[in-house]
C-alpha cells in the first residue's frame, strides 16, 4: 500500500505477527534505480521474511530493481499487478498490467533471470477491468 506499509508500519506488523511475510509499499522502479535507494529499500532485520513489492512495466528496469532488492537482503520480489490508484495508472503499471499478460510474463521472466530469490506476481481481478469477477486476490508464480 503506497505511503502506508513503510518500514515503521512493517516493524509494527511484525510485532503483531511474528511469522507472516511482510510486503513493502509498492515502489516504482525509477525510485530505486534513479532515486534515493536507501530511503526506499532500508528495513530492519526483524522484518524478515519481507518482500519488495515492485511497480513498473519495463522488464530491463524491473530486473535492475530486483537485483537491488536481492542485494539489499529481501526474501522475495513481488510485481504488483493489482493497484488501481490514479498514480500508477498514469505510469501504466499496477492494475493496468492485468490487460497485458504477455508483458507481465516478460517482466516476471526478466526479474527471475536477474535474481536467485523468489519472484511472484500479485494481482487482483477487479470489477470493471475483468467483468464477472469480484475482488478476489490472485497470487501466482506466472
Foldseek 3Di string as FASTA:
>chain_A
DPPQQDQVVLVVVCVVPVADEAEHDEDELCCCVPHDVCRRADHDPSSPQYEYEYKAQDQVSLLVSLLVNVVSPHQEYEYACADPDPVRVVRCTHVNCVVPVVSVVSNLVSNVVNDDHQYKYKHFDPDPVHPPDHGDIDIDSD
